[in-house]
Amino acid sequence: MNHLAIQLVSLPAFALLALAMDRHQLDLLGRELPAGQTRGLRLAGWLALLASLAIAVGLKGWSLGLVTWCGHISLSAAIVILTMVAWERRKSVKK
């Protein structure tokens, strides 16, 4: 349950940070979002990452919590990247 809580917060954090990038907005949405929305996505992503860090440290302490958090954010980043690659490949196959 501890790992699930950290993962459930860190995964959307990286998705928000990815959506805050103009290139990914074009790839996923077909357009760039206004600057205010982009800043909001970036802020929400960083706040979610901080929240996942707080959860990890709160559950496991600073030493093991930081190690656990690094593992979870690495996994979350990989999931987001692989999902975006699969999305692009699926789009190119449909053409």
PDB file of N, CA and C in Angstrom:
ATOM      1  N   MET A   1       0.823  -1.200   0.000  1.00  0.00           N
ATOM      2  CA  MET A   1       0.000   0.000   0.000  1.00  0.00           C
ATOM      3  C   MET A   1       0.864   1.259   0.000  1.00  0.00           C
ATOM      4  N   ASN A   2       1.984   1.213   0.715  1.00  0.00           N
ATOM      5  CA  ASN A   2       2.863   2.379   0.762  1.00  0.00           C
ATOM      6  C   ASN A   2       3.390   2.735  -0.623  1.00  0.00           C
ATOM      7  N   HIS A   3       3.828   1.709  -1.341  1.00  0.00           N
ATOM      8  CA  HIS A   3       4.372   1.949  -2.674  1.00  0.00           C
ATOM      9  C   HIS A   3       3.279   2.423  -3.632  1.00  0.00           C
ATOM     10  N   LEU A   4       2.100   1.892  -3.483  1.00  0.00           N
ATOM     11  CA  LEU A   4       0.995   2.290  -4.339  1.00  0.00           C
ATOM     12  C   LEU A   4       0.666   3.769  -4.167  1.00  0.00           C
ATOM     13  N   ALA A   5       0.684   4.248  -2.942  1.00  0.00           N
ATOM     14  CA  ALA A   5       0.382   5.656  -2.679  1.00  0.00           C
ATOM     15  C   ALA A   5       1.404   6.572  -3.354  1.00  0.00           C
ATOM     16  N   ILE A   6       2.664   6.213  -3.239  1.00  0.00           N
ATOM     17  CA  ILE A   6       3.714   7.025  -3.866  1.00  0.00           C
ATOM     18  C   ILE A   6       3.562   7.001  -5.381  1.00  0.00           C
ATOM     19  N   GLN A   7       3.317   5.830  -5.934  1.00  0.00           N
ATOM     20  CA  GLN A   7       3.191   5.688  -7.380  1.00  0.00           C
ATOM     21  C   GLN A   7       1.969   6.424  -7.918  1.00  0.00           C
ATOM     22  N   LEU A   8       0.863   6.375  -7.189  1.00  0.00           N
ATOM     23  CA  LEU A   8      -0.364   7.029  -7.645  1.00  0.00           C
ATOM     24  C   LEU A   8      -0.267   8.546  -7.656  1.00  0.00           C
ATOM     25  N   VAL A   9       0.703   9.090  -6.957  1.00  0.00           N
ATOM     26  CA  VAL A   9       0.912  10.540  -6.981  1.00  0.00           C
ATOM     27  C   VAL A   9       2.012  10.918  -7.972  1.00  0.00           C
ATOM     28  N   SER A  10       3.049  10.103  -8.077  1.00  0.00           N
ATOM     29  CA  SER A  10       4.163  10.455  -8.955  1.00  0.00           C
ATOM     30  C   SER A  10       3.853  10.236 -10.442  1.00  0.00           C
ATOM     31  N   LEU A  11       3.024   9.265 -10.758  1.00  0.00           N
ATOM     32  CA  LEU A  11       2.695   9.024 -12.169  1.00  0.00           C
ATOM     33  C   LEU A  11       1.938  10.206 -12.794  1.00  0.00           C
ATOM     34  N   PRO A  12       0.867  10.707 -12.173  1.00  0.00           N
ATOM     35  CA  PRO A  12       0.217  11.890 -12.751  1.00  0.00           C
ATOM     36  C   PRO A  12       1.122  13.126 -12.744  1.00  0.00           C
ATOM     37  N   ALA A  13       2.057  13.174 -11.797  1.00  0.00           N
ATOM     38  CA  ALA A  13       2.982  14.310 -11.762  1.00  0.00           C
ATOM     39  C   ALA A  13       3.786  14.382 -13.065  1.00  0.00           C
ATOM     40  N   PHE A  14       4.308  13.247 -13.496  1.00  0.00           N
ATOM     41  CA  PHE A  14       5.082  13.247 -14.741  1.00  0.00           C
ATOM     42  C   PHE A  14       4.195  13.441 -15.969  1.00  0.00           C
ATOM     43  N   ALA A  15       2.976  12.958 -15.916  1.00  0.00           N
ATOM     44  CA  ALA A  15       2.056  13.206 -17.025  1.00  0.00           C
ATOM     45  C   ALA A  15       1.764  14.699 -17.138  1.00  0.00           C
ATOM     46  N   LEU A  16       1.572  15.369 -16.009  1.00  0.00           N
ATOM     47  CA  LEU A  16       1.340  16.814 -16.020  1.00  0.00           C
ATOM     48  C   LEU A  16       2.562  17.567 -16.534  1.00  0.00           C
ATOM     49  N   LEU A  17       3.739  17.157 -16.091  1.00  0.00           N
ATOM     50  CA  LEU A  17       4.957  17.815 -16.565  1.00  0.00           C
ATOM     51  C   LEU A  17       5.167  17.599 -18.058  1.00  0.00           C
ATOM     52  N   ALA A  18       4.825  16.427 -18.559  1.00  0.00           N
ATOM     53  CA  ALA A  18       4.933  16.179 -19.999  1.00  0.00           C
ATOM     54  C   ALA A  18       3.957  17.061 -20.768  1.00  0.00           C
ATOM     55  N   LEU A  19       2.736  17.180 -20.259  1.00  0.00           N
ATOM     56  CA  LEU A  19       1.743  18.025 -20.928  1.00  0.00           C
ATOM     57  C   LEU A  19       2.090  19.503 -20.847  1.00  0.00           C
ATOM     58  N   ALA A  20       2.994  19.875 -19.960  1.00  0.00           N
ATOM     59  CA  ALA A  20       3.409  21.265 -19.847  1.00  0.00           C
ATOM     60  C   ALA A  20       4.436  21.641 -20.917  1.00  0.00           C
ATOM     61  N   MET A  21       4.873  20.676 -21.708  1.00  0.00           N
ATOM     62  CA  MET A  21       5.845  20.955 -22.765  1.00  0.00           C
ATOM     63  C   MET A  21       5.124  21.171 -24.096  1.00  0.00           C
ATOM     64  N   ASP A  22       5.520  22.227 -24.805  1.00  0.00           N
ATOM     65  CA  ASP A  22       4.861  22.585 -26.062  1.00  0.00           C
ATOM     66  C   ASP A  22       4.872  21.433 -27.067  1.00  0.00           C
ATOM     67  N   ARG A  23       5.998  20.758 -27.189  1.00  0.00           N
ATOM     68  CA  ARG A  23       6.105  19.668 -28.165  1.00  0.00           C
ATOM     69  C   ARG A  23       5.090  18.566 -27.872  1.00  0.00           C
ATOM     70  N   HIS A  24       4.964  18.212 -26.609  1.00  0.00           N
ATOM     71  CA  HIS A  24       4.041  17.146 -26.246  1.00  0.00           C
ATOM     72  C   HIS A  24       2.585  17.607 -26.372  1.00  0.00           C
ATOM     73  N   GLN A  25       2.344  18.876 -26.162  1.00  0.00           N
ATOM     74  CA  GLN A  25       0.998  19.412 -26.381  1.00  0.00           C
ATOM     75  C   GLN A  25       0.615  19.253 -27.848  1.00  0.00           C
ATOM     76  N   LEU A  26       1.545  19.578 -28.734  1.00  0.00           N
ATOM     77  CA  LEU A  26       1.276  19.416 -30.167  1.00  0.00           C
ATOM     78  C   LEU A  26       1.061  17.949 -30.523  1.00  0.00           C
ATOM     79  N   ASP A  27       1.890  17.071 -29.966  1.00  0.00           N
ATOM     80  CA  ASP A  27       1.767  15.646 -30.266  1.00  0.00           C
ATOM     81  C   ASP A  27       0.453  15.062 -29.764  1.00  0.00           C
ATOM     82  N   LEU A  28       0.080  15.414 -28.538  1.00  0.00           N
ATOM     83  CA  LEU A  28      -1.083  14.780 -27.910  1.00  0.00           C
ATOM     84  C   LEU A  28      -2.396  15.504 -28.169  1.00  0.00           C
ATOM     85  N   LEU A  29      -2.345  16.840 -28.210  1.00  0.00           N
ATOM     86  CA  LEU A  29      -3.571  17.627 -28.344  1.00  0.00           C
ATOM     87  C   LEU A  29      -3.748  18.250 -29.726  1.00  0.00           C
ATOM     88  N   GLY A  30      -2.667  18.279 -30.492  1.00  0.00           N
ATOM     89  CA  GLY A  30      -2.736  18.879 -31.814  1.00  0.00           C
ATOM     90  C   GLY A  30      -2.613  20.395 -31.802  1.00  0.00           C
ATOM     91  N   ARG A  31      -2.360  20.975 -30.652  1.00  0.00           N
ATOM     92  CA  ARG A  31      -2.211  22.429 -30.540  1.00  0.00           C
ATOM     93  C   ARG A  31      -1.447  22.745 -29.260  1.00  0.00           C
ATOM     94  N   GLU A  32      -0.941  23.971 -29.213  1.00  0.00           N
ATOM     95  CA  GLU A  32      -0.287  24.425 -27.989  1.00  0.00           C
ATOM     96  C   GLU A  32      -1.318  25.068 -27.076  1.00  0.00           C
ATOM     97  N   LEU A  33      -1.183  24.832 -25.805  1.00  0.00           N
ATOM     98  CA  LEU A  33      -2.071  25.435 -24.825  1.00  0.00           C
ATOM     99  C   LEU A  33      -1.612  26.860 -24.520  1.00  0.00           C
ATOM    100  N   PRO A  34      -2.512  27.699 -24.043  1.00  0.00           N
ATOM    101  CA  PRO A  34      -2.099  29.055 -23.641  1.00  0.00           C
ATOM    102  C   PRO A  34      -1.038  28.994 -22.526  1.00  0.00           C
ATOM    103  N   ALA A  35      -0.261  30.050 -22.437  1.00  0.00           N
ATOM    104  CA  ALA A  35       0.849  30.085 -21.480  1.00  0.00           C
ATOM    105  C   ALA A  35       0.375  29.886 -20.047  1.00  0.00           C
ATOM    106  N   GLY A  36      -0.755  30.432 -19.699  1.00  0.00           N
ATOM    107  CA  GLY A  36      -1.273  30.294 -18.343  1.00  0.00           C
ATOM    108  C   GLY A  36      -1.600  28.852 -18.000  1.00  0.00           C
ATOM    109  N   GLN A  37      -2.195  28.137 -18.932  1.00  0.00           N
ATOM    110  CA  GLN A  37      -2.503  26.723 -18.699  1.00  0.00           C
ATOM    111  C   GLN A  37      -1.229  25.892 -18.617  1.00  0.00           C
ATOM    112  N   THR A  38      -0.261  26.235 -19.440  1.00  0.00           N
ATOM    113  CA  THR A  38       1.014  25.520 -19.421  1.00  0.00           C
ATOM    114  C   THR A  38       1.706  25.715 -18.076  1.00  0.00           C
ATOM    115  N   ARG A  39       1.707  26.952 -17.579  1.00  0.00           N
ATOM    116  CA  ARG A  39       2.295  27.206 -16.259  1.00  0.00           C
ATOM    117  C   ARG A  39       1.539  26.446 -15.166  1.00  0.00           C
ATOM    118  N   GLY A  40       0.222  26.395 -15.279  1.00  0.00           N
ATOM    119  CA  GLY A  40      -0.582  25.661 -14.309  1.00  0.00           C
ATOM    120  C   GLY A  40      -0.268  24.174 -14.307  1.00  0.00           C
ATOM    121  N   LEU A  41      -0.106  23.602 -15.494  1.00  0.00           N
ATOM    122  CA  LEU A  41       0.261  22.184 -15.596  1.00  0.00           C
ATOM    123  C   LEU A  41       1.634  21.930 -14.975  1.00  0.00           C
ATOM    124  N   ARG A  42       2.575  22.830 -15.268  1.00  0.00           N
ATOM    125  CA  ARG A  42       3.924  22.670 -14.725  1.00  0.00           C
ATOM    126  C   ARG A  42       3.907  22.777 -13.198  1.00  0.00           C
ATOM    127  N   LEU A  43       3.179  23.750 -12.677  1.00  0.00           N
ATOM    128  CA  LEU A  43       3.090  23.921 -11.228  1.00  0.00           C
ATOM    129  C   LEU A  43       2.431  22.704 -10.573  1.00  0.00           C
ATOM    130  N   ALA A  44       1.350  22.229 -11.167  1.00  0.00           N
ATOM    131  CA  ALA A  44       0.657  21.056 -10.626  1.00  0.00           C
ATOM    132  C   ALA A  44       1.567  19.827 -10.643  1.00  0.00           C
ATOM    133  N   GLY A  45       2.337  19.672 -11.701  1.00  0.00           N
ATOM    134  CA  GLY A  45       3.263  18.541 -11.787  1.00  0.00           C
ATOM    135  C   GLY A  45       4.323  18.589 -10.707  1.00  0.00           C
ATOM    136  N   TRP A  46       4.922  19.758 -10.494  1.00  0.00           N
ATOM    137  CA  TRP A  46       5.945  19.885  -9.459  1.00  0.00           C
ATOM    138  C   TRP A  46       5.356  19.711  -8.068  1.00  0.00           C
ATOM    139  N   LEU A  47       4.155  20.236  -7.849  1.00  0.00           N
ATOM    140  CA  LEU A  47       3.517  20.057  -6.540  1.00  0.00           C
ATOM    141  C   LEU A  47       3.198  18.583  -6.282  1.00  0.00           C
ATOM    142  N   ALA A  48       2.777  17.875  -7.314  1.00  0.00           N
ATOM    143  CA  ALA A  48       2.499  16.446  -7.164  1.00  0.00           C
ATOM    144  C   ALA A  48       3.787  15.673  -6.869  1.00  0.00           C
ATOM    145  N   LEU A  49       4.895  16.062  -7.509  1.00  0.00           N
ATOM    146  CA  LEU A  49       6.171  15.412  -7.201  1.00  0.00           C
ATOM    147  C   LEU A  49       6.581  15.667  -5.753  1.00  0.00           C
ATOM    148  N   LEU A  50       6.387  16.897  -5.297  1.00  0.00           N
ATOM    149  CA  LEU A  50       6.693  17.203  -3.896  1.00  0.00           C
ATOM    150  C   LEU A  50       5.790  16.419  -2.948  1.00  0.00           C
ATOM    151  N   ALA A  51       4.531  16.266  -3.334  1.00  0.00           N
ATOM    152  CA  ALA A  51       3.606  15.486  -2.507  1.00  0.00           C
ATOM    153  C   ALA A  51       4.043  14.026  -2.445  1.00  0.00           C
ATOM    154  N   SER A  52       4.490  13.477  -3.577  1.00  0.00           N
ATOM    155  CA  SER A  52       4.947  12.085  -3.559  1.00  0.00           C
ATOM    156  C   SER A  52       6.207  11.944  -2.717  1.00  0.00           C
ATOM    157  N   LEU A  53       7.067  12.958  -2.737  1.00  0.00           N
ATOM    158  CA  LEU A  53       8.251  12.938  -1.868  1.00  0.00           C
ATOM    159  C   LEU A  53       7.834  12.968  -0.406  1.00  0.00           C
ATOM    160  N   ALA A  54       6.874  13.811  -0.083  1.00  0.00           N
ATOM    161  CA  ALA A  54       6.399  13.891   1.300  1.00  0.00           C
ATOM    162  C   ALA A  54       5.802  12.564   1.759  1.00  0.00           C
ATOM    163  N   ILE A  55       5.068  11.912   0.873  1.00  0.00           N
ATOM    164  CA  ILE A  55       4.488  10.607   1.212  1.00  0.00           C
ATOM    165  C   ILE A  55       5.601   9.588   1.470  1.00  0.00           C
ATOM    166  N   ALA A  56       6.571   9.541   0.572  1.00  0.00           N
ATOM    167  CA  ALA A  56       7.656   8.570   0.707  1.00  0.00           C
ATOM    168  C   ALA A  56       8.452   8.798   1.992  1.00  0.00           C
ATOM    169  N   VAL A  57       8.805  10.044   2.252  1.00  0.00           N
ATOM    170  CA  VAL A  57       9.589  10.348   3.452  1.00  0.00           C
ATOM    171  C   VAL A  57       8.756  10.128   4.705  1.00  0.00           C
ATOM    172  N   GLY A  58       7.475  10.467   4.629  1.00  0.00           N
ATOM    173  CA  GLY A  58       6.603  10.247   5.779  1.00  0.00           C
ATOM    174  C   GLY A  58       6.419   8.778   6.115  1.00  0.00           C
ATOM    175  N   LEU A  59       6.389   7.947   5.110  1.00  0.00           N
ATOM    176  CA  LEU A  59       6.183   6.514   5.339  1.00  0.00           C
ATOM    177  C   LEU A  59       7.465   5.768   5.693  1.00  0.00           C
ATOM    178  N   LYS A  60       8.585   6.187   5.110  1.00  0.00           N
ATOM    179  CA  LYS A  60       9.804   5.383   5.234  1.00  0.00           C
ATOM    180  C   LYS A  60      10.967   6.114   5.902  1.00  0.00           C
ATOM    181  N   GLY A  61      10.807   7.392   6.236  1.00  0.00           N
ATOM    182  CA  GLY A  61      11.923   8.166   6.779  1.00  0.00           C
ATOM    183  C   GLY A  61      12.768   8.736   5.649  1.00  0.00           C
ATOM    184  N   TRP A  62      13.713   9.599   6.020  1.00  0.00           N
ATOM    185  CA  TRP A  62      14.498  10.283   4.992  1.00  0.00           C
ATOM    186  C   TRP A  62      15.399   9.340   4.206  1.00  0.00           C
ATOM    187  N   SER A  63      16.078   8.443   4.863  1.00  0.00           N
ATOM    188  CA  SER A  63      17.056   7.612   4.146  1.00  0.00           C
ATOM    189  C   SER A  63      16.380   6.666   3.161  1.00  0.00           C
ATOM    190  N   LEU A  64      15.526   5.816   3.636  1.00  0.00           N
ATOM    191  CA  LEU A  64      14.860   4.858   2.754  1.00  0.00           C
ATOM    192  C   LEU A  64      13.774   5.537   1.913  1.00  0.00           C
ATOM    193  N   GLY A  65      13.177   6.589   2.435  1.00  0.00           N
ATOM    194  CA  GLY A  65      12.151   7.318   1.696  1.00  0.00           C
ATOM    195  C   GLY A  65      12.675   7.943   0.419  1.00  0.00           C
ATOM    196  N   LEU A  66      13.865   8.545   0.498  1.00  0.00           N
ATOM    197  CA  LEU A  66      14.457   9.146  -0.702  1.00  0.00           C
ATOM    198  C   LEU A  66      14.798   8.092  -1.749  1.00  0.00           C
ATOM    199  N   VAL A  67      15.313   6.959  -1.300  1.00  0.00           N
ATOM    200  CA  VAL A  67      15.642   5.882  -2.232  1.00  0.00           C
ATOM    201  C   VAL A  67      14.375   5.335  -2.881  1.00  0.00           C
ATOM    202  N   THR A  68      13.358   5.132  -2.072  1.00  0.00           N
ATOM    203  CA  THR A  68      12.069   4.642  -2.582  1.00  0.00           C
ATOM    204  C   THR A  68      11.480   5.634  -3.567  1.00  0.00           C
ATOM    205  N   TRP A  69      11.527   6.905  -3.215  1.00  0.00           N
ATOM    206  CA  TRP A  69      10.970   7.956  -4.069  1.00  0.00           C
ATOM    207  C   TRP A  69      11.698   8.001  -5.419  1.00  0.00           C
ATOM    208  N   CYS A  70      13.017   7.904  -5.383  1.00  0.00           N
ATOM    209  CA  CYS A  70      13.785   7.917  -6.638  1.00  0.00           C
ATOM    210  C   CYS A  70      13.388   6.747  -7.538  1.00  0.00           C
ATOM    211  N   GLY A  71      13.170   5.606  -6.952  1.00  0.00           N
ATOM    212  CA  GLY A  71      12.725   4.458  -7.741  1.00  0.00           C
ATOM    213  C   GLY A  71      11.352   4.686  -8.344  1.00  0.00           C
ATOM    214  N   HIS A  72      10.451   5.242  -7.565  1.00  0.00           N
ATOM    215  CA  HIS A  72       9.096   5.472  -8.059  1.00  0.00           C
ATOM    216  C   HIS A  72       9.038   6.557  -9.133  1.00  0.00           C
ATOM    217  N   ILE A  73       9.819   7.616  -8.952  1.00  0.00           N
ATOM    218  CA  ILE A  73       9.763   8.653  -9.990  1.00  0.00           C
ATOM    219  C   ILE A  73      10.445   8.173 -11.273  1.00  0.00           C
ATOM    220  N   SER A  74      11.444   7.313 -11.138  1.00  0.00           N
ATOM    221  CA  SER A  74      12.063   6.738 -12.341  1.00  0.00           C
ATOM    222  C   SER A  74      11.069   5.862 -13.088  1.00  0.00           C
ATOM    223  N   LEU A  75      10.348   5.039 -12.347  1.00  0.00           N
ATOM    224  CA  LEU A  75       9.334   4.184 -12.963  1.00  0.00           C
ATOM    225  C   LEU A  75       8.224   5.026 -13.597  1.00  0.00           C
ATOM    226  N   SER A  76       7.793   6.053 -12.906  1.00  0.00           N
ATOM    227  CA  SER A  76       6.727   6.920 -13.430  1.00  0.00           C
ATOM    228  C   SER A  76       7.160   7.622 -14.714  1.00  0.00           C
ATOM    229  N   ALA A  77       8.380   8.141 -14.715  1.00  0.00           N
ATOM    230  CA  ALA A  77       8.888   8.801 -15.915  1.00  0.00           C
ATOM    231  C   ALA A  77       8.955   7.818 -17.080  1.00  0.00           C
ATOM    232  N   ALA A  78       9.419   6.603 -16.824  1.00  0.00           N
ATOM    233  CA  ALA A  78       9.501   5.586 -17.877  1.00  0.00           C
ATOM    234  C   ALA A  78       8.120   5.239 -18.417  1.00  0.00           C
ATOM    235  N   ILE A  79       7.141   5.109 -17.533  1.00  0.00           N
ATOM    236  CA  ILE A  79       5.780   4.794 -17.980  1.00  0.00           C
ATOM    237  C   ILE A  79       5.232   5.904 -18.865  1.00  0.00           C
ATOM    238  N   VAL A  80       5.435   7.147 -18.466  1.00  0.00           N
ATOM    239  CA  VAL A  80       4.937   8.278 -19.260  1.00  0.00           C
ATOM    240  C   VAL A  80       5.633   8.320 -20.616  1.00  0.00           C
ATOM    241  N   ILE A  81       6.942   8.148 -20.628  1.00  0.00           N
ATOM    242  CA  ILE A  81       7.687   8.180 -21.894  1.00  0.00           C
ATOM    243  C   ILE A  81       7.235   7.059 -22.819  1.00  0.00           C
ATOM    244  N   LEU A  82       7.141   5.843 -22.299  1.00  0.00           N
ATOM    245  CA  LEU A  82       6.736   4.708 -23.130  1.00  0.00           C
ATOM    246  C   LEU A  82       5.301   4.860 -23.636  1.00  0.00           C
ATOM    247  N   THR A  83       4.443   5.427 -22.822  1.00  0.00           N
ATOM    248  CA  THR A  83       3.073   5.674 -23.253  1.00  0.00           C
ATOM    249  C   THR A  83       3.036   6.686 -24.393  1.00  0.00           C
ATOM    250  N   MET A  84       3.858   7.731 -24.286  1.00  0.00           N
ATOM    251  CA  MET A  84       3.883   8.734 -25.349  1.00  0.00           C
ATOM    252  C   MET A  84       4.475   8.170 -26.642  1.00  0.00           C
ATOM    253  N   VAL A  85       5.483   7.326 -26.521  1.00  0.00           N
ATOM    254  CA  VAL A  85       6.049   6.681 -27.710  1.00  0.00           C
ATOM    255  C   VAL A  85       5.007   5.782 -28.372  1.00  0.00           C
ATOM    256  N   ALA A  86       4.297   5.000 -27.559  1.00  0.00           N
ATOM    257  CA  ALA A  86       3.255   4.122 -28.100  1.00  0.00           C
ATOM    258  C   ALA A  86       2.150   4.940 -28.756  1.00  0.00           C
ATOM    259  N   TRP A  87       1.803   6.071 -28.161  1.00  0.00           N
ATOM    260  CA  TRP A  87       0.775   6.960 -28.725  1.00  0.00           C
ATOM    261  C   TRP A  87       1.200   7.456 -30.106  1.00  0.00           C
ATOM    262  N   GLU A  88       2.441   7.889 -30.220  1.00  0.00           N
ATOM    263  CA  GLU A  88       2.951   8.386 -31.504  1.00  0.00           C
ATOM    264  C   GLU A  88       2.996   7.273 -32.550  1.00  0.00           C
ATOM    265  N   ARG A  89       3.426   6.098 -32.160  1.00  0.00           N
ATOM    266  CA  ARG A  89       3.474   4.976 -33.110  1.00  0.00           C
ATOM    267  C   ARG A  89       2.074   4.585 -33.557  1.00  0.00           C
ATOM    268  N   ARG A  90       1.147   4.609 -32.637  1.00  0.00           N
ATOM    269  CA  ARG A  90      -0.240   4.278 -32.984  1.00  0.00           C
ATOM    270  C   ARG A  90      -0.816   5.318 -33.961  1.00  0.00           C
ATOM    271  N   LYS A  91      -0.479   6.586 -33.724  1.00  0.00           N
ATOM    272  CA  LYS A  91      -0.945   7.642 -34.625  1.00  0.00           C
ATOM    273  C   LYS A  91      -0.347   7.475 -36.021  1.00  0.00           C
ATOM    274  N   SER A  92       0.924   7.106 -36.092  1.00  0.00           N
ATOM    275  CA  SER A  92       1.575   6.991 -37.390  1.00  0.00           C
ATOM    276  C   SER A  92       1.077   5.759 -38.154  1.00  0.00           C
ATOM    277  N   VAL A  93       0.659   4.725 -37.465  1.00  0.00           N
ATOM    278  CA  VAL A  93       0.130   3.518 -38.117  1.00  0.00           C
ATOM    279  C   VAL A  93      -1.242   3.811 -38.730  1.00  0.00           C
ATOM    280  N   LYS A  94      -2.027   4.644 -38.069  1.00  0.00           N
ATOM    281  CA  LYS A  94      -3.366   4.981 -38.555  1.00  0.00           C
ATOM    282  C   LYS A  94      -3.330   5.801 -39.843  1.00  0.00           C
ATOM    283  N   LYS A  95      -2.219   6.492 -40.099  1.00  0.00           N
ATOM    284  CA  LYS A  95      -2.133   7.362 -41.282  1.00  0.00           C
ATOM    285  C   LYS A  95      -2.001   6.588 -42.525  1.00  0.00           C
TER     286      LYS A  95
END
